Amino acid sequence: MDSFLVPTAIVALAEIGDKTQLLALVLAARFRKPWPIIAGIVAATLANHAAAGAVGAWVGSIFSDAVLHWILAASFAATALWTLVPDKLDDEETTTARKFGPFVTTLIAFFLAEIGDKTQIATVMLAAQYPELWLVIIGTTVGMLIANVPVVLAGNFAAEKLPLTLIRRLAASAFFILAIVAGYKALCA
């Protein structure tokens, strides 16, 4: 169950205040059709995180346990620091809205916005660490939904009322804890 629960919690926390959450807010305000937006988030996240998970599983298979744990420790520590930096949404990511409806716009925008994003990097790292790849992918996708569905459903209210600084600090703390665990495992391997 750790292969599902840890990725879910990590991504849910890391996603709060992330650019894709801001994108969800913009799409919700623009289209006012939550279900196609939510469906687009699910499809884009599954596709993006499946690719990231495959990379993570491959990386996990080519390195020794000790080397992999040191890589994971450094990656988790770097992601923890990155999580503390608030994201800003680029206007270019929503230009497809003029051409397509809410589902296709969300699918394209979310998939592109997730490329190189901290939650995608976290998916790579988690897939390298946990043996059940499909549970990691489902977990990271559920984490994205936990963070983004309320924003889509509640619109501006949810984004303005959340203590984003506290949530970023909690997410960073979770990544630091994972870095410490990975470093400990590297020492023991």
Protein backbone atom coordinates (compact mmCIF):
# COMPACT_ATOMS: atom_id res chain seq x y z
CA MET A 1 0.00 0.00 0.00
CA ASP A 2 2.97 2.35 0.47
CA SER A 3 3.38 2.38 -3.33
CA PHE A 4 -0.04 4.05 -3.51
CA LEU A 5 -0.36 6.04 -0.27
CA VAL A 6 3.03 7.79 -0.23
CA PRO A 7 2.80 9.01 -3.86
CA THR A 8 -0.78 10.16 -3.26
CA ALA A 9 0.16 12.22 -0.21
CA ILE A 10 3.39 13.61 -1.67
CA VAL A 11 1.83 14.74 -4.95
CA ALA A 12 -1.31 16.12 -3.29
CA LEU A 13 0.81 18.33 -1.05
CA ALA A 14 3.32 19.27 -3.75
CA GLU A 15 0.54 20.20 -6.19
CA ILE A 16 -1.03 22.83 -3.95
CA GLY A 17 0.03 26.22 -5.29
CA ASP A 18 1.68 24.57 -8.31
CA LYS A 19 1.28 26.02 -11.80
CA THR A 20 -1.06 23.20 -12.83
CA GLN A 21 -3.33 24.06 -9.92
CA LEU A 22 -3.33 27.66 -11.09
CA LEU A 23 -4.08 26.34 -14.57
CA ALA A 24 -7.05 24.38 -13.17
CA LEU A 25 -8.32 27.60 -11.60
CA VAL A 26 -7.99 29.52 -14.89
CA LEU A 27 -9.74 26.75 -16.84
CA ALA A 28 -12.56 26.55 -14.29
CA ALA A 29 -13.09 30.30 -14.47
CA ARG A 30 -12.93 30.35 -18.27
CA PHE A 31 -15.16 27.38 -19.10
CA ARG A 32 -17.37 26.96 -16.01
CA LYS A 33 -17.77 23.28 -16.94
CA PRO A 34 -16.04 21.31 -14.17
CA TRP A 35 -16.55 17.72 -15.35
CA PRO A 36 -14.81 18.00 -18.75
CA ILE A 37 -11.96 19.84 -17.00
CA ILE A 38 -11.66 17.12 -14.35
CA ALA A 39 -11.74 14.43 -17.07
CA GLY A 40 -8.97 16.29 -18.92
CA ILE A 41 -6.88 16.45 -15.74
CA VAL A 42 -7.30 12.69 -15.22
CA ALA A 43 -6.36 11.81 -18.82
CA ALA A 44 -3.39 14.18 -18.98
CA THR A 45 -2.05 13.14 -15.58
CA LEU A 46 -2.36 9.42 -16.29
CA ALA A 47 -0.51 9.80 -19.60
CA ASN A 48 2.18 12.10 -18.20
CA HIS A 49 2.75 10.16 -15.00
CA ALA A 50 2.74 6.80 -16.80
CA ALA A 51 5.63 8.04 -18.93
CA ALA A 52 7.39 9.48 -15.86
CA GLY A 53 6.78 6.26 -13.94
CA ALA A 54 8.26 4.20 -16.77
CA VAL A 55 11.39 6.37 -16.69
CA GLY A 56 11.58 5.98 -12.92
CA ALA A 57 11.19 2.20 -13.10
CA TRP A 58 13.91 2.04 -15.75
CA VAL A 59 16.27 4.20 -13.66
CA GLY A 60 15.51 2.00 -10.67
CA SER A 61 16.51 -1.08 -12.64
CA ILE A 62 19.91 0.16 -13.88
CA PHE A 63 21.47 1.37 -10.63
CA SER A 64 22.53 -0.57 -7.55
CA ASP A 65 20.38 -0.04 -4.47
CA ALA A 66 23.01 2.14 -2.77
CA VAL A 67 23.53 4.40 -5.81
CA LEU A 68 19.79 4.62 -6.43
CA HIS A 69 19.13 5.64 -2.81
CA TRP A 70 21.79 8.36 -2.99
CA ILE A 71 20.26 9.65 -6.23
CA LEU A 72 16.83 9.55 -4.62
CA ALA A 73 18.07 11.33 -1.49
CA ALA A 74 19.60 14.15 -3.56
CA SER A 75 16.53 14.35 -5.82
CA PHE A 76 14.09 14.44 -2.92
CA ALA A 77 16.16 17.13 -1.17
CA ALA A 78 16.27 19.22 -4.37
CA THR A 79 12.54 18.77 -4.88
CA ALA A 80 11.93 19.82 -1.27
CA LEU A 81 13.75 23.08 -1.91
CA TRP A 82 11.95 23.54 -5.26
CA THR A 83 8.59 23.00 -3.53
CA LEU A 84 9.21 26.05 -1.35
CA VAL A 85 9.27 28.30 -4.44
CA PRO A 86 5.77 29.41 -5.53
CA ASP A 87 4.84 28.72 -9.16
CA LYS A 88 3.43 31.26 -11.59
CA LEU A 89 1.19 30.39 -14.52
CA ASP A 90 2.36 31.36 -18.01
CA ASP A 91 -0.40 32.84 -20.18
CA GLU A 92 0.84 30.78 -23.14
CA GLU A 93 -0.42 27.57 -21.51
CA THR A 94 -4.07 28.64 -21.90
CA THR A 95 -3.99 29.83 -25.53
CA THR A 96 -5.41 26.51 -26.78
CA ALA A 97 -8.73 27.40 -25.10
CA ARG A 98 -9.73 29.52 -28.07
CA LYS A 99 -9.44 26.55 -30.43
CA PHE A 100 -10.75 23.63 -28.37
CA GLY A 101 -13.36 22.91 -25.71
CA PRO A 102 -12.69 22.37 -22.01
CA PHE A 103 -11.67 18.69 -22.19
CA VAL A 104 -9.14 18.97 -25.03
CA THR A 105 -7.83 22.30 -23.73
CA THR A 106 -7.31 20.80 -20.27
CA LEU A 107 -5.77 17.62 -21.66
CA ILE A 108 -3.21 19.51 -23.76
CA ALA A 109 -2.48 22.26 -21.25
CA PHE A 110 -2.12 19.91 -18.27
CA PHE A 111 0.05 17.44 -20.14
CA LEU A 112 2.41 20.19 -21.31
CA ALA A 113 2.40 22.00 -17.96
CA GLU A 114 3.38 18.78 -16.16
CA ILE A 115 6.48 18.22 -18.32
CA GLY A 116 9.44 18.90 -16.06
CA ASP A 117 7.15 19.94 -13.20
CA LYS A 118 8.01 18.96 -9.63
CA THR A 119 5.11 16.49 -9.48
CA GLN A 120 6.38 14.76 -12.63
CA ILE A 121 9.90 14.62 -11.18
CA ALA A 122 8.41 13.27 -7.95
CA THR A 123 6.64 10.57 -9.98
CA VAL A 124 9.96 9.54 -11.56
CA MET A 125 11.60 9.35 -8.14
CA LEU A 126 8.72 7.49 -6.51
CA ALA A 127 8.54 4.97 -9.37
CA ALA A 128 12.27 4.35 -8.93
CA GLN A 129 11.75 3.74 -5.22
CA TYR A 130 8.55 1.66 -5.12
CA PRO A 131 8.17 -1.70 -6.90
CA GLU A 132 4.47 -1.46 -7.87
CA LEU A 133 4.66 0.98 -10.80
CA TRP A 134 0.93 0.99 -11.49
CA LEU A 135 0.17 1.87 -7.85
CA VAL A 136 2.63 4.78 -8.02
CA ILE A 137 0.96 6.10 -11.20
CA ILE A 138 -2.53 5.73 -9.73
CA GLY A 139 -1.33 7.30 -6.47
CA THR A 140 0.25 10.32 -8.14
CA THR A 141 -2.86 10.77 -10.28
CA VAL A 142 -5.12 10.60 -7.22
CA GLY A 143 -2.82 13.12 -5.52
CA MET A 144 -3.26 15.49 -8.47
CA LEU A 145 -7.03 15.07 -8.24
CA ILE A 146 -7.08 15.67 -4.49
CA ALA A 147 -5.36 19.00 -5.06
CA ASN A 148 -7.06 20.08 -8.28
CA VAL A 149 -10.68 18.89 -8.16
CA PRO A 150 -11.62 21.19 -5.25
CA VAL A 151 -10.08 24.11 -7.15
CA VAL A 152 -12.07 23.27 -10.26
CA LEU A 153 -15.30 22.81 -8.30
CA ALA A 154 -14.93 25.77 -5.98
CA GLY A 155 -13.15 28.16 -8.34
CA ASN A 156 -11.56 31.24 -6.85
CA PHE A 157 -12.85 30.56 -3.34
CA ALA A 158 -10.65 27.48 -2.79
CA ALA A 159 -7.46 29.00 -4.14
CA GLU A 160 -7.82 32.22 -2.14
CA LYS A 161 -8.60 30.52 1.18
CA LEU A 162 -5.83 27.90 1.30
CA PRO A 163 -2.71 28.67 3.36
CA LEU A 164 -0.34 28.06 0.42
CA THR A 165 2.85 28.90 2.29
CA LEU A 166 2.04 26.39 5.03
CA ILE A 167 1.09 23.75 2.49
CA ARG A 168 4.32 24.29 0.50
CA ARG A 169 6.28 23.92 3.75
CA LEU A 170 4.46 20.67 4.58
CA ALA A 171 5.17 19.32 1.10
CA ALA A 172 8.83 20.34 1.37
CA SER A 173 9.01 18.63 4.77
CA ALA A 174 7.60 15.44 3.27
CA PHE A 175 10.23 15.53 0.50
CA PHE A 176 12.99 16.15 3.09
CA ILE A 177 11.77 13.16 5.11
CA LEU A 178 11.89 11.02 1.96
CA ALA A 179 15.43 12.32 1.32
CA ILE A 180 16.50 11.32 4.83
CA VAL A 181 14.92 7.86 4.46
CA ALA A 182 16.61 7.35 1.09
CA GLY A 183 19.96 8.49 2.53
CA TYR A 184 19.55 6.08 5.45
CA LYS A 185 18.75 3.25 3.03
CA ALA A 186 21.84 4.16 0.99
CA LEU A 187 24.01 3.88 4.08
CA CYS A 188 22.48 0.52 4.96
CA ALA A 189 22.72 -0.93 1.42
